[in-house]
Amino acid sequence: MKQKIIFSIFLAVLTLGSSCKAQKETVNSNQPVNERNKKGPPSIDEIFKMDSNADGKLSKSEIKGPLLRQFDTIDSNKDGFITKEELQNAPKPNRGQGPRKG
């Protein structure tokens, strides 16, 4: 009788643990695994989602954030637009490297 009770408790704990894991995977399965764990800068295609008029280039009025602050550096031909090629060839920012403290 004691073995049946212990086995029933073990089975209940095992079932509960499996249920919790399945629920967690279901909640997170709305996004592909590589996007859930993605860190770092956005891809060029992700950045070009800001191209609101779909002309294949970004103007200052279409962008925001760090890209706007670096606009003039990235716009290598100084035509007032950033193309995918200019963005791809842009100098990479020094992330996390602030001024040295001495």
Protein backbone atom coordinates (compact mmCIF):
# COMPACT_ATOMS: atom_id res chain seq x y z
CA MET A 1 0.00 0.00 0.00
CA LYS A 2 2.83 2.38 0.91
CA GLN A 3 4.53 1.67 -2.43
CA LYS A 4 1.32 2.57 -4.33
CA ILE A 5 1.12 5.93 -2.53
CA ILE A 6 4.77 6.73 -3.23
CA PHE A 7 4.36 5.69 -6.87
CA SER A 8 1.21 7.84 -7.20
CA ILE A 9 3.02 10.88 -5.76
CA PHE A 10 5.99 10.30 -8.07
CA LEU A 11 3.68 9.99 -11.06
CA ALA A 12 1.82 13.19 -10.12
CA VAL A 13 5.07 15.16 -9.76
CA LEU A 14 6.37 13.82 -13.07
CA THR A 15 3.11 14.71 -14.85
CA LEU A 16 3.05 18.19 -13.34
CA GLY A 17 6.65 18.84 -14.37
CA SER A 18 6.00 17.71 -17.94
CA SER A 19 2.88 19.86 -18.11
CA CYS A 20 4.75 22.99 -16.97
CA LYS A 21 7.52 22.43 -19.51
CA ALA A 22 5.02 21.92 -22.35
CA GLN A 23 3.16 25.08 -21.36
CA LYS A 24 6.40 27.12 -21.32
CA GLU A 25 7.35 25.85 -24.79
CA THR A 26 3.87 26.69 -26.11
CA VAL A 27 4.05 30.25 -24.77
CA ASN A 28 7.41 30.86 -26.42
CA SER A 29 6.66 29.01 -29.66
CA ASN A 30 5.08 32.08 -31.26
CA GLN A 31 8.56 33.15 -32.35
CA PRO A 32 11.25 31.08 -34.04
CA VAL A 33 14.00 29.95 -31.67
CA ASN A 34 16.67 32.08 -33.38
CA GLU A 35 14.58 35.26 -32.88
CA ARG A 36 13.73 34.52 -29.23
CA ASN A 37 17.37 34.37 -28.24
CA LYS A 38 18.61 37.01 -30.66
CA LYS A 39 20.81 39.72 -29.26
CA GLY A 40 22.79 42.39 -31.00
CA PRO A 41 22.12 44.90 -33.73
CA PRO A 42 19.21 44.52 -36.15
CA SER A 43 19.85 43.19 -39.64
CA ILE A 44 19.78 45.47 -42.67
CA ASP A 45 16.40 44.03 -43.67
CA GLU A 46 15.03 44.77 -40.19
CA ILE A 47 16.32 48.34 -40.41
CA PHE A 48 14.75 48.82 -43.83
CA LYS A 49 11.33 48.06 -42.36
CA MET A 50 11.46 51.79 -41.50
CA ASP A 51 11.31 52.58 -45.24
CA SER A 52 7.75 53.88 -44.99
CA ASN A 53 7.43 54.91 -48.65
CA ALA A 54 9.06 51.69 -49.93
CA ASP A 55 11.48 53.49 -52.24
CA GLY A 56 14.43 51.31 -51.21
CA LYS A 57 16.23 54.06 -49.34
CA LEU A 58 15.94 55.72 -45.95
CA SER A 59 15.59 59.46 -45.42
CA LYS A 60 16.12 61.27 -42.13
CA SER A 61 12.36 61.59 -41.71
CA GLU A 62 11.90 57.80 -41.87
CA ILE A 63 14.44 56.77 -39.24
CA LYS A 64 15.00 57.18 -35.53
CA GLY A 65 17.40 56.20 -32.79
CA PRO A 66 21.14 55.60 -33.20
CA LEU A 67 20.83 55.36 -36.98
CA LEU A 68 19.57 58.94 -37.13
CA ARG A 69 22.55 60.16 -35.09
CA GLN A 70 24.92 58.42 -37.52
CA PHE A 71 22.99 59.39 -40.68
CA ASP A 72 25.57 61.78 -42.13
CA THR A 73 28.39 59.27 -41.59
CA ILE A 74 26.47 56.40 -43.22
CA ASP A 75 25.19 58.51 -46.16
CA SER A 76 28.53 58.22 -47.97
CA ASN A 77 27.44 59.92 -51.23
CA LYS A 78 25.73 62.75 -49.29
CA ASP A 79 22.48 62.55 -51.30
CA GLY A 80 20.27 62.68 -48.20
CA PHE A 81 19.36 58.99 -48.30
CA ILE A 82 20.81 55.77 -46.92
CA THR A 83 20.76 52.77 -49.24
CA LYS A 84 21.23 49.16 -48.23
CA GLU A 85 24.69 49.25 -49.79
CA GLU A 86 25.69 52.33 -47.78
CA LEU A 87 24.37 50.74 -44.60
CA GLN A 88 26.24 47.52 -45.31
CA ASN A 89 29.50 49.43 -45.89
CA ALA A 90 29.04 51.77 -42.92
CA PRO A 91 31.65 51.75 -40.17
CA LYS A 92 30.57 49.56 -37.27
CA PRO A 93 29.94 51.38 -33.99
CA ASN A 94 32.13 50.66 -30.97
CA ARG A 95 29.49 49.14 -28.73
CA GLY A 96 30.02 49.34 -25.01
CA GLN A 97 33.30 51.18 -25.30
CA GLY A 98 32.77 54.51 -23.64
CA PRO A 99 35.47 57.03 -22.85
CA ARG A 100 38.36 55.68 -20.81
CA LYS A 101 38.49 56.61 -17.17
CA GLY A 102 41.96 57.34 -16.02
